[in-house]
Amino acid sequence: MRCYLHAYLLCTVLTFFSLLYVYSQLASTLEDRGRWAGRTAGRSSHDAGHALRKRPGLSGLRSPEGTQSSEKSSSATNQPKDERSHLAVVACGPRLEETLTMLKSAVLFSNKPLHFYIFAEDELHGSFRKALEMWPVTIQAKFTFSIYPIMFPEENASEWKKLFKPCASQRLFLPLLLKQVDSLLYVDTDILFLRPVEDIWGLLSQFNGSQLAAMAPEHEEPRIGWYNRFARHPYYGKTGVNSGVMLMNMTRIRQKFFKNDMTAVALQWEEILMPLLQKYKLNITWGDQDLLNIIFHHNPESLYMFPCQWNYRPDHCIYGSNCQQAEEEGVFILHGNRGVYHNDKQPAFRAVYEAIKQHSFGEDMEVSLLQPLEAALQRTAHTYCGRSSHLFTRRLKESIRSV
């Protein structure tokens, strides 16, 4: 009996100190809005840049100074109306080619102008700039871009960077870094647009007064869902959400006070992230996506759910088709997670990636992109996703013919 009592007391003490640590982190966050680690990118890849501003919270954090950019005007406010879709991506490690293919798909099928916010490791900046500036002038006329360094709060910067895949958690800090941007579409590097970007951008107009972000469910079929079977933390809805495609009204995110399970006091975005990481870092598997699930679990009224056809992954066809909206209307955005663009596990996904990557700007897209793709997809019919591959080209055909 005495052993059980000692074990109980020890468990109680450990729990107390664990909670004390989390609340100390929370108190620190509330008292000091934090510093940021990283440097701004200079005009030259050899420029050392400038230190980032401190206290990005209440005083505001403007766009990092000295950013490499192809902007034609000094300020977006000089224009009466910004008709561009604003697209952000984070690229670290060997993701250059994959990211450029994603950006290429965005440019190919969109009819309205785009602006790209590219957050990348310093050694990739020159390659991104050189590649984008080598695209034909007629294509460059459709987009502008800015290149930023990877930036995390100075405290625990290394912890944020290695939270999941390298730099993936950068997406959590975009509302704090891009203060001048009202709304933003964040996508992973392994995204391919099969429909114009402005179509998903248009979903912003469907937000109600409380919604500030939009994502797709992680799964449509609970029997194969990950969160509802394995998660050790709160998650959104019945099966959680996937953050590979995330549409954000960043003005609302910056203004919102979020309910949470750490304190009765609602916290703003810059205040909630570090305490959440400290509380759940031993229980999360998918890094920043898990933190987003926790946040929207406690604030479900703030999330707009778009259908799975806007974030179609191998999980939607690997065991048979389980995305009803794609069955009815086709796939709008293809998400090749788990590296399927670069291995033989899902040849249908890889065929789409290779078709877009190999297409040359200026050539007839029906002849040089669609027809080779359809032929390649026919050779994938031995896989479940291959049998659903007609869903990949249904909307793509319309997009090609509308450009």
Protein backbone atom coordinates (compact mmCIF):
# COMPACT_ATOMS: atom_id res chain seq x y z
CA MET A 1 0.00 0.00 0.00
CA ARG A 2 2.87 2.33 0.88
CA CYS A 3 4.44 1.72 -2.60
CA TYR A 4 1.23 2.69 -4.31
CA LEU A 5 1.05 5.84 -2.20
CA HIS A 6 4.63 6.77 -3.07
CA ALA A 7 3.96 6.19 -6.78
CA TYR A 8 0.83 8.32 -6.60
CA LEU A 9 2.68 11.14 -4.88
CA LEU A 10 5.52 10.97 -7.40
CA CYS A 11 3.06 11.11 -10.32
CA THR A 12 1.29 14.08 -8.72
CA VAL A 13 4.56 15.96 -8.25
CA LEU A 14 5.69 15.30 -11.83
CA THR A 15 2.32 16.43 -13.20
CA PHE A 16 2.50 19.60 -11.09
CA PHE A 17 5.95 20.54 -12.38
CA SER A 18 4.93 19.74 -15.96
CA LEU A 19 1.95 22.07 -15.70
CA LEU A 20 4.08 24.67 -13.96
CA TYR A 21 6.50 24.62 -16.92
CA VAL A 22 3.69 25.09 -19.44
CA TYR A 23 2.21 27.99 -17.50
CA SER A 24 5.63 29.59 -17.12
CA GLN A 25 5.95 29.46 -20.92
CA LEU A 26 2.49 30.98 -21.23
CA ALA A 27 3.33 33.75 -18.78
CA SER A 28 6.53 34.46 -20.66
CA THR A 29 4.59 34.66 -23.92
CA LEU A 30 2.08 37.10 -22.49
CA GLU A 31 4.74 39.33 -20.95
CA ASP A 32 7.16 39.38 -23.87
CA ARG A 33 5.78 38.94 -27.37
CA GLY A 34 9.04 37.38 -28.46
CA ARG A 35 11.95 37.77 -30.81
CA TRP A 36 12.50 36.19 -34.18
CA ALA A 37 15.45 34.13 -35.33
CA GLY A 38 16.62 34.35 -38.91
CA ARG A 39 17.70 37.13 -41.21
CA THR A 40 16.06 39.03 -44.00
CA ALA A 41 17.10 38.29 -47.53
CA GLY A 42 19.12 40.97 -49.26
CA ARG A 43 18.99 41.94 -52.91
CA SER A 44 22.02 39.74 -53.40
CA SER A 45 22.34 36.21 -52.12
CA HIS A 46 25.66 37.34 -50.60
CA ASP A 47 24.08 40.16 -48.59
CA ALA A 48 24.09 39.41 -44.86
CA GLY A 49 20.81 41.30 -44.41
CA HIS A 50 19.45 42.91 -41.27
CA ALA A 51 18.25 41.59 -37.94
CA LEU A 52 14.53 41.11 -37.65
CA ARG A 53 12.40 43.47 -35.62
CA LYS A 54 11.68 42.52 -32.05
CA ARG A 55 8.22 42.28 -30.51
CA PRO A 56 6.16 41.33 -33.57
CA GLY A 57 2.97 41.07 -31.57
CA LEU A 58 1.30 44.28 -30.46
CA SER A 59 3.53 46.69 -32.34
CA GLY A 60 3.18 44.79 -35.63
CA LEU A 61 5.72 43.07 -37.84
CA ARG A 62 5.91 44.39 -41.37
CA SER A 63 7.18 42.49 -44.36
CA PRO A 64 10.87 41.66 -43.80
CA GLU A 65 13.13 44.37 -45.13
CA GLY A 66 15.29 43.91 -48.20
CA THR A 67 13.28 40.98 -49.51
CA GLN A 68 14.07 39.74 -53.00
CA SER A 69 11.03 40.67 -55.02
CA SER A 70 9.73 41.11 -58.54
CA GLU A 71 7.01 43.54 -57.45
CA LYS A 72 6.34 46.17 -60.10
CA SER A 73 4.98 48.81 -57.69
CA SER A 74 6.33 50.04 -54.37
CA SER A 75 3.11 49.41 -52.47
CA ALA A 76 -0.05 47.42 -53.07
CA THR A 77 -2.00 50.33 -51.56
CA ASN A 78 -1.13 52.41 -54.64
CA GLN A 79 -3.50 50.22 -56.62
CA PRO A 80 -7.25 50.85 -56.39
CA LYS A 81 -7.95 47.11 -56.13
CA ASP A 82 -5.64 44.16 -55.77
CA GLU A 83 -7.04 41.46 -58.05
CA ARG A 84 -4.18 39.06 -57.41
CA SER A 85 -4.42 35.75 -55.62
CA HIS A 86 -1.74 35.61 -52.93
CA LEU A 87 0.00 32.24 -52.69
CA ALA A 88 2.61 31.20 -50.10
CA VAL A 89 4.91 28.17 -49.98
CA VAL A 90 7.75 27.06 -47.71
CA ALA A 91 10.69 25.20 -49.30
CA CYS A 92 13.59 23.58 -47.47
CA GLY A 93 16.01 20.86 -48.45
CA PRO A 94 15.65 19.21 -51.88
CA ARG A 95 12.31 20.86 -52.68
CA LEU A 96 13.33 23.34 -55.37
CA GLU A 97 12.11 21.41 -58.43
CA GLU A 98 8.92 20.27 -56.72
CA THR A 99 8.10 23.84 -55.64
CA LEU A 100 8.75 25.23 -59.13
CA THR A 101 6.45 22.59 -60.61
CA MET A 102 3.73 23.62 -58.16
CA LEU A 103 4.17 27.30 -59.09
CA LYS A 104 4.14 26.32 -62.75
CA SER A 105 0.76 24.60 -62.34
CA ALA A 106 -0.58 27.73 -60.64
CA VAL A 107 0.54 29.97 -63.52
CA LEU A 108 -0.51 27.62 -66.34
CA PHE A 109 -4.18 27.41 -65.46
CA SER A 110 -4.92 30.78 -63.82
CA ASN A 111 -6.51 33.63 -65.71
CA LYS A 112 -5.95 36.29 -63.04
CA PRO A 113 -2.62 37.62 -61.72
CA LEU A 114 -0.78 35.91 -58.88
CA HIS A 115 1.74 36.90 -56.25
CA PHE A 116 4.03 34.25 -54.78
CA TYR A 117 5.50 34.47 -51.26
CA ILE A 118 8.38 31.98 -51.22
CA PHE A 119 9.93 31.18 -47.84
CA ALA A 120 13.12 29.21 -48.42
CA GLU A 121 16.51 28.42 -46.97
CA ASP A 122 19.13 30.97 -47.96
CA GLU A 123 20.99 28.66 -50.36
CA LEU A 124 17.82 28.23 -52.44
CA HIS A 125 17.08 31.93 -52.99
CA GLY A 126 19.31 32.40 -56.01
CA SER A 127 18.02 29.23 -57.68
CA PHE A 128 14.40 30.27 -57.22
CA ARG A 129 15.03 33.75 -58.57
CA LYS A 130 17.03 32.49 -61.56
CA ALA A 131 14.43 29.85 -62.47
CA LEU A 132 11.45 32.20 -62.26
CA GLU A 133 13.21 34.93 -64.23
CA MET A 134 14.01 32.43 -66.99
CA TRP A 135 10.33 31.74 -67.62
CA PRO A 136 9.00 33.42 -70.82
CA VAL A 137 8.11 37.09 -70.57
CA THR A 138 4.48 36.30 -71.38
CA ILE A 139 4.36 33.93 -68.40
CA GLN A 140 6.20 36.34 -66.09
CA ALA A 141 3.52 38.92 -66.86
CA LYS A 142 1.04 36.73 -65.00
CA PHE A 143 2.78 36.81 -61.61
CA THR A 144 5.05 38.67 -59.22
CA PHE A 145 7.02 37.12 -56.38
CA SER A 146 8.87 37.81 -53.13
CA ILE A 147 11.49 35.56 -51.55
CA TYR A 148 11.92 35.41 -47.77
CA PRO A 149 14.31 33.60 -45.43
CA ILE A 150 13.10 31.00 -42.97
CA MET A 151 12.17 32.83 -39.75
CA PHE A 152 11.10 31.49 -36.37
CA PRO A 153 10.82 33.09 -32.92
CA GLU A 154 14.34 33.36 -31.56
CA GLU A 155 13.49 31.33 -28.49
CA ASN A 156 13.17 27.66 -29.50
CA ALA A 157 13.86 28.43 -33.17
CA SER A 158 15.61 25.11 -33.71
CA GLU A 159 12.72 23.28 -32.07
CA TRP A 160 10.23 24.89 -34.44
CA LYS A 161 12.37 24.12 -37.47
CA LYS A 162 12.63 20.41 -36.75
CA LEU A 163 9.06 20.00 -35.45
CA PHE A 164 7.99 17.92 -38.44
CA LYS A 165 9.57 18.13 -41.88
CA PRO A 166 12.25 20.83 -42.16
CA CYS A 167 10.67 24.28 -41.92
CA ALA A 168 7.08 23.00 -42.26
CA SER A 169 5.97 24.88 -39.15
CA GLN A 170 6.91 28.17 -40.86
CA ARG A 171 3.29 28.31 -42.04
CA LEU A 172 2.14 28.95 -38.46
CA PHE A 173 3.97 32.28 -38.42
CA LEU A 174 2.87 33.68 -41.78
CA PRO A 175 0.17 35.92 -40.24
CA LEU A 176 2.84 37.49 -38.02
CA LEU A 177 5.48 37.89 -40.72
CA LEU A 178 3.29 39.12 -43.60
CA LYS A 179 1.54 41.90 -41.69
CA GLN A 180 0.71 43.79 -44.88
CA VAL A 181 -1.14 40.82 -46.40
CA ASP A 182 -4.87 40.56 -45.72
CA SER A 183 -5.52 37.07 -47.10
CA LEU A 184 -3.29 34.22 -48.22
CA LEU A 185 -3.45 30.73 -49.70
CA TYR A 186 -0.76 28.52 -48.18
CA VAL A 187 0.11 25.27 -49.97
CA ASP A 188 2.70 22.56 -49.44
CA THR A 189 5.37 22.11 -52.10
CA ASP A 190 3.77 18.83 -53.25
CA ILE A 191 0.57 20.52 -54.45
CA LEU A 192 -0.53 20.65 -58.10
CA PHE A 193 -3.31 22.96 -59.25
CA LEU A 194 -5.69 21.39 -61.76
CA ARG A 195 -8.06 24.35 -61.57
CA PRO A 196 -7.29 28.10 -61.56
CA VAL A 197 -6.00 29.46 -58.25
CA GLU A 198 -8.63 32.19 -58.34
CA ASP A 199 -11.33 29.55 -57.93
CA ILE A 200 -10.17 28.48 -54.47
CA TRP A 201 -9.33 32.12 -53.71
CA GLY A 202 -13.00 32.86 -54.33
CA LEU A 203 -13.97 30.73 -51.33
CA LEU A 204 -12.88 33.64 -49.12
CA SER A 205 -16.13 35.35 -50.07
CA GLN A 206 -18.04 32.41 -48.60
CA PHE A 207 -16.60 32.86 -45.09
CA ASN A 208 -19.16 33.93 -42.53
CA GLY A 209 -18.42 36.58 -39.92
CA SER A 210 -16.50 34.26 -37.60
CA GLN A 211 -14.54 32.10 -40.07
CA LEU A 212 -10.89 32.99 -40.62
CA ALA A 213 -9.35 29.92 -42.28
CA ALA A 214 -10.37 27.06 -44.55
CA MET A 215 -9.05 23.50 -44.84
CA ALA A 216 -10.22 20.09 -46.01
CA PRO A 217 -10.88 17.08 -43.75
CA GLU A 218 -7.99 14.72 -43.14
CA HIS A 219 -10.28 11.83 -44.03
CA GLU A 220 -13.81 11.33 -45.33
CA GLU A 221 -13.97 7.73 -44.12
CA PRO A 222 -13.57 7.42 -40.32
CA ARG A 223 -12.69 3.73 -40.58
CA ILE A 224 -9.35 4.67 -42.15
CA GLY A 225 -8.96 8.02 -40.34
CA TRP A 226 -5.73 8.68 -38.46
CA TYR A 227 -6.81 11.26 -35.88
CA ASN A 228 -9.93 9.45 -34.69
CA ARG A 229 -7.94 6.22 -34.26
CA PHE A 230 -4.52 7.30 -33.00
CA ALA A 231 -4.36 10.97 -31.93
CA ARG A 232 -3.33 11.72 -28.35
CA HIS A 233 -4.46 15.32 -28.49
CA PRO A 234 -7.64 17.26 -29.41
CA TYR A 235 -8.44 17.54 -33.12
CA TYR A 236 -11.06 19.20 -35.27
CA GLY A 237 -14.37 17.45 -36.00
CA LYS A 238 -14.64 13.71 -36.55
CA THR A 239 -11.46 13.06 -38.51
CA GLY A 240 -9.28 16.17 -38.14
CA VAL A 241 -8.12 18.53 -40.89
CA ASN A 242 -5.23 18.45 -43.35
CA SER A 243 -3.18 21.65 -43.55
CA GLY A 244 -1.48 21.05 -46.93
CA VAL A 245 -3.91 23.53 -48.50
CA MET A 246 -4.91 26.33 -46.12
CA LEU A 247 -6.81 29.47 -47.11
CA MET A 248 -6.45 32.26 -44.55
CA ASN A 249 -7.99 35.61 -43.78
CA MET A 250 -4.87 36.73 -41.94
CA THR A 251 -6.35 40.01 -40.74
CA ARG A 252 -8.97 38.03 -38.82
CA ILE A 253 -6.32 35.61 -37.52
CA ARG A 254 -4.27 38.49 -36.14
CA GLN A 255 -7.33 40.03 -34.46
CA LYS A 256 -8.91 36.87 -33.04
CA PHE A 257 -8.69 35.81 -29.39
CA PHE A 258 -8.65 32.02 -29.37
CA LYS A 259 -10.18 29.77 -26.73
CA ASN A 260 -7.75 27.14 -25.47
CA ASP A 261 -7.23 24.41 -22.88
CA MET A 262 -4.34 26.12 -21.10
CA THR A 263 -6.00 29.16 -19.56
CA ALA A 264 -9.46 30.67 -19.20
CA VAL A 265 -8.06 33.77 -20.92
CA ALA A 266 -8.46 33.75 -24.70
CA LEU A 267 -5.12 34.23 -26.48
CA GLN A 268 -4.10 35.88 -29.72
CA TRP A 269 -2.26 33.95 -32.42
CA GLU A 270 1.24 35.07 -31.42
CA GLU A 271 0.48 34.20 -27.79
CA ILE A 272 -0.89 30.70 -28.22
CA LEU A 273 1.67 28.89 -30.39
CA MET A 274 4.61 28.41 -28.01
CA PRO A 275 2.53 27.31 -24.99
CA LEU A 276 0.70 24.82 -27.22
CA LEU A 277 3.99 23.41 -28.44
CA GLN A 278 5.30 23.05 -24.90
CA LYS A 279 2.14 21.33 -23.71
CA TYR A 280 1.69 18.88 -26.58
CA LYS A 281 5.13 18.36 -28.12
CA LEU A 282 5.39 14.83 -26.71
CA ASN A 283 1.96 13.91 -28.06
CA ILE A 284 1.95 15.29 -31.60
CA THR A 285 2.95 13.30 -34.67
CA TRP A 286 2.28 15.64 -37.60
CA GLY A 287 3.83 18.78 -36.13
CA ASP A 288 2.23 22.07 -37.05
CA GLN A 289 -0.83 20.34 -38.53
CA ASP A 290 -1.55 18.84 -35.12
CA LEU A 291 -1.27 22.28 -33.49
CA LEU A 292 -3.77 23.65 -36.00
CA ASN A 293 -6.12 20.78 -35.19
CA ILE A 294 -5.86 21.58 -31.49
CA ILE A 295 -6.57 25.29 -32.08
CA PHE A 296 -9.61 24.67 -34.27
CA HIS A 297 -10.91 21.94 -31.96
CA HIS A 298 -11.39 24.67 -29.38
CA ASN A 299 -12.52 27.25 -31.97
CA PRO A 300 -14.61 25.28 -34.50
CA GLU A 301 -16.67 28.32 -35.43
CA SER A 302 -13.52 29.88 -36.92
CA LEU A 303 -12.95 27.22 -39.60
CA TYR A 304 -14.55 26.92 -43.03
CA MET A 305 -14.42 23.37 -44.37
CA PHE A 306 -13.97 22.92 -48.11
CA PRO A 307 -14.45 19.53 -49.79
CA CYS A 308 -11.76 16.91 -50.36
CA GLN A 309 -11.51 17.69 -54.09
CA TRP A 310 -9.56 20.85 -53.09
CA ASN A 311 -6.95 18.68 -51.32
CA TYR A 312 -7.02 15.27 -52.99
CA ARG A 313 -4.41 12.87 -51.62
CA PRO A 314 -3.52 9.20 -52.13
CA ASP A 315 -5.65 8.40 -49.06
CA HIS A 316 -8.70 9.29 -51.15
CA CYS A 317 -8.13 6.47 -53.61
CA ILE A 318 -5.56 4.03 -52.23
CA TYR A 319 -8.26 1.72 -50.81
CA GLY A 320 -10.90 2.65 -53.36
CA SER A 321 -12.47 6.02 -54.10
CA ASN A 322 -13.69 7.82 -50.98
CA CYS A 323 -14.00 11.47 -52.05
CA GLN A 324 -17.58 11.87 -53.20
CA GLN A 325 -17.14 15.47 -54.38
CA ALA A 326 -14.29 14.44 -56.68
CA GLU A 327 -16.45 11.64 -58.07
CA GLU A 328 -19.06 14.23 -58.99
CA GLU A 329 -16.92 17.13 -60.20
CA GLY A 330 -13.34 15.92 -60.54
CA VAL A 331 -10.15 16.74 -58.61
CA PHE A 332 -9.37 20.45 -58.26
CA ILE A 333 -6.05 20.30 -56.36
CA LEU A 334 -3.80 17.23 -56.24
CA HIS A 335 -1.71 16.70 -53.11
CA GLY A 336 1.11 14.20 -53.60
CA ASN A 337 2.12 13.71 -50.00
CA ARG A 338 4.40 10.91 -48.80
CA GLY A 339 6.72 11.57 -51.74
CA VAL A 340 4.48 9.87 -54.32
CA TYR A 341 5.63 12.21 -57.11
CA HIS A 342 9.11 10.74 -56.79
CA ASN A 343 8.57 7.01 -56.28
CA ASP A 344 6.53 4.20 -57.85
CA LYS A 345 3.99 3.74 -55.06
CA GLN A 346 1.27 5.83 -56.75
CA PRO A 347 2.08 6.03 -60.48
CA ALA A 348 -1.09 8.00 -61.27
CA PHE A 349 0.02 10.86 -59.03
CA ARG A 350 3.52 10.72 -60.45
CA ALA A 351 2.17 10.84 -64.02
CA VAL A 352 0.41 14.16 -63.35
CA TYR A 353 3.53 15.63 -61.77
CA GLU A 354 5.77 14.53 -64.65
CA ALA A 355 3.33 15.84 -67.28
CA ILE A 356 3.26 19.32 -65.77
CA LYS A 357 6.99 19.38 -65.07
CA GLN A 358 7.91 18.36 -68.63
CA HIS A 359 5.43 20.64 -70.41
CA SER A 360 7.19 23.53 -72.15
CA PHE A 361 5.68 26.99 -71.83
CA GLY A 362 4.11 28.16 -75.06
CA GLU A 363 3.27 24.74 -76.43
CA ASP A 364 -0.32 23.65 -76.97
CA MET A 365 -1.36 22.22 -73.61
CA GLU A 366 -3.85 19.76 -75.06
CA VAL A 367 -1.15 18.25 -77.29
CA SER A 368 1.94 18.49 -75.07
CA LEU A 369 0.38 18.07 -71.63
CA LEU A 370 -3.10 16.54 -71.66
CA GLN A 371 -2.65 13.86 -74.32
CA PRO A 372 0.65 12.46 -72.92
CA LEU A 373 -0.89 12.53 -69.45
CA GLU A 374 -3.97 10.57 -70.50
CA ALA A 375 -1.75 7.96 -72.15
CA ALA A 376 0.40 7.68 -69.02
CA LEU A 377 -2.64 7.37 -66.77
CA GLN A 378 -3.97 4.47 -68.80
CA ARG A 379 -0.86 2.55 -67.77
CA THR A 380 -1.71 2.97 -64.07
CA ALA A 381 -5.06 1.14 -64.17
CA HIS A 382 -3.61 -1.73 -62.13
CA THR A 383 -3.70 0.53 -59.03
CA TYR A 384 -6.75 1.81 -57.15
CA CYS A 385 -5.73 5.43 -57.72
CA GLY A 386 -5.08 4.66 -61.39
CA ARG A 387 -8.66 3.43 -61.73
CA SER A 388 -9.81 6.82 -60.40
CA SER A 389 -7.37 8.82 -62.55
CA HIS A 390 -10.14 10.03 -64.88
CA LEU A 391 -11.03 12.29 -61.95
CA PHE A 392 -7.60 13.96 -62.31
CA THR A 393 -8.20 15.04 -65.91
CA ARG A 394 -11.89 15.92 -65.74
CA ARG A 395 -11.32 19.42 -64.38
CA LEU A 396 -7.88 19.73 -65.98
CA LYS A 397 -9.45 19.57 -69.45
CA GLU A 398 -11.74 22.48 -68.58
CA SER A 399 -8.86 24.48 -67.12
CA ILE A 400 -6.74 24.02 -70.26
CA ARG A 401 -9.57 25.06 -72.55
CA SER A 402 -10.43 28.13 -70.47
CA VAL A 403 -6.92 29.64 -70.52
